[in-house]
Structure formats: C-alpha cells, structure tokens
Amino acid sequence: MQQPHISALQAKHADIEARIADETQRPLPDMAAISRLKKEKLRVKEEIVGLH
C-alpha cells in the first residue's frame, strides 16, 4: 500500500538531485538555493527510510 508513496518520494528525491546538479553547473551557483535543496533532499530520504 505504501509502494506508490515511496515511488513518489524516490522520484522527488531524484528531481531534487537533478536540480542540485543543474545549479552547481551554473557559472555562479546560488549556494543558498543549493543548501535548501540539499536539506529538502535529506528530509525526503529520511522519510523514505522511515517507510521501509
């Protein structure tokens, strides 16, 4: 029953990871945005782990 929720969280985690990669490739990366994205990515990962 939780599998669709876990899959959605994994997709969100991958999306955040891609956004971090995009931001770090910019000539002047926004470090505040990267920091926020990393915190969100960690929160999502912790939620995934908590559901297993």
C-alpha atoms as a PDB file:
ATOM      1  CA  MET A   1       0.000   0.000   0.000  1.00  0.00           C
ATOM      2  CA  GLN A   2       2.895   2.358   0.699  1.00  0.00           C
ATOM      3  CA  GLN A   3       4.743   1.493  -2.519  1.00  0.00           C
ATOM      4  CA  PRO A   4       3.160   4.299  -4.611  1.00  0.00           C
ATOM      5  CA  HIS A   5       4.064   6.797  -1.885  1.00  0.00           C
ATOM      6  CA  ILE A   6       7.649   5.506  -1.711  1.00  0.00           C
ATOM      7  CA  SER A   7       7.924   5.658  -5.502  1.00  0.00           C
ATOM      8  CA  ALA A   8       6.686   9.252  -5.481  1.00  0.00           C
ATOM      9  CA  LEU A   9       9.227  10.159  -2.808  1.00  0.00           C
ATOM     10  CA  GLN A  10      12.019   8.481  -4.778  1.00  0.00           C
ATOM     11  CA  ALA A  11      11.022  10.465  -7.860  1.00  0.00           C
ATOM     12  CA  LYS A  12      11.011  13.673  -5.819  1.00  0.00           C
ATOM     13  CA  HIS A  13      14.452  12.780  -4.415  1.00  0.00           C
ATOM     14  CA  ALA A  14      15.810  12.255  -7.951  1.00  0.00           C
ATOM     15  CA  ASP A  15      14.267  15.543  -9.106  1.00  0.00           C
ATOM     16  CA  ILE A  16      15.903  17.437  -6.240  1.00  0.00           C
ATOM     17  CA  GLU A  17      19.227  15.767  -7.031  1.00  0.00           C
ATOM     18  CA  ALA A  18      18.924  16.889 -10.674  1.00  0.00           C
ATOM     19  CA  ARG A  19      18.100  20.442  -9.577  1.00  0.00           C
ATOM     20  CA  ILE A  20      21.193  20.470  -7.336  1.00  0.00           C
ATOM     21  CA  ALA A  21      23.336  19.243 -10.236  1.00  0.00           C
ATOM     22  CA  ASP A  22      21.885  21.911 -12.553  1.00  0.00           C
ATOM     23  CA  GLU A  23      22.525  24.660 -10.027  1.00  0.00           C
ATOM     24  CA  THR A  24      26.124  23.583  -9.365  1.00  0.00           C
ATOM     25  CA  GLN A  25      26.857  23.683 -13.123  1.00  0.00           C
ATOM     26  CA  ARG A  26      25.910  27.360 -13.394  1.00  0.00           C
ATOM     27  CA  PRO A  27      28.760  29.898 -13.643  1.00  0.00           C
ATOM     28  CA  LEU A  28      27.675  31.499 -10.342  1.00  0.00           C
ATOM     29  CA  PRO A  29      25.756  28.856  -8.386  1.00  0.00           C
ATOM     30  CA  ASP A  30      23.290  30.072  -5.771  1.00  0.00           C
ATOM     31  CA  MET A  31      24.739  28.427  -2.671  1.00  0.00           C
ATOM     32  CA  ALA A  32      21.680  29.295  -0.576  1.00  0.00           C
ATOM     33  CA  ALA A  33      19.432  27.508  -3.074  1.00  0.00           C
ATOM     34  CA  ILE A  34      21.787  24.518  -3.118  1.00  0.00           C
ATOM     35  CA  SER A  35      21.726  24.385   0.673  1.00  0.00           C
ATOM     36  CA  ARG A  36      17.909  24.480   0.747  1.00  0.00           C
ATOM     37  CA  LEU A  37      17.714  21.755  -1.902  1.00  0.00           C
ATOM     38  CA  LYS A  38      20.160  19.531  -0.009  1.00  0.00           C
ATOM     39  CA  LYS A  39      18.136  19.907   3.192  1.00  0.00           C
ATOM     40  CA  GLU A  40      14.937  19.042   1.318  1.00  0.00           C
ATOM     41  CA  LYS A  41      16.662  16.062  -0.319  1.00  0.00           C
ATOM     42  CA  LEU A  42      17.792  14.803   3.099  1.00  0.00           C
ATOM     43  CA  ARG A  43      14.284  15.228   4.532  1.00  0.00           C
ATOM     44  CA  VAL A  44      12.817  13.205   1.637  1.00  0.00           C
ATOM     45  CA  LYS A  45      15.467  10.500   2.055  1.00  0.00           C
ATOM     46  CA  GLU A  46      14.737  10.252   5.775  1.00  0.00           C
ATOM     47  CA  GLU A  47      11.035   9.889   5.004  1.00  0.00           C
ATOM     48  CA  ILE A  48      11.783   7.092   2.509  1.00  0.00           C
ATOM     49  CA  VAL A  49      13.947   5.271   5.057  1.00  0.00           C
ATOM     50  CA  GLY A  50      11.283   5.696   7.711  1.00  0.00           C
ATOM     51  CA  LEU A  51       8.704   3.997   5.488  1.00  0.00           C
ATOM     52  CA  HIS A  52      10.815   0.862   4.940  1.00  0.00           C
END
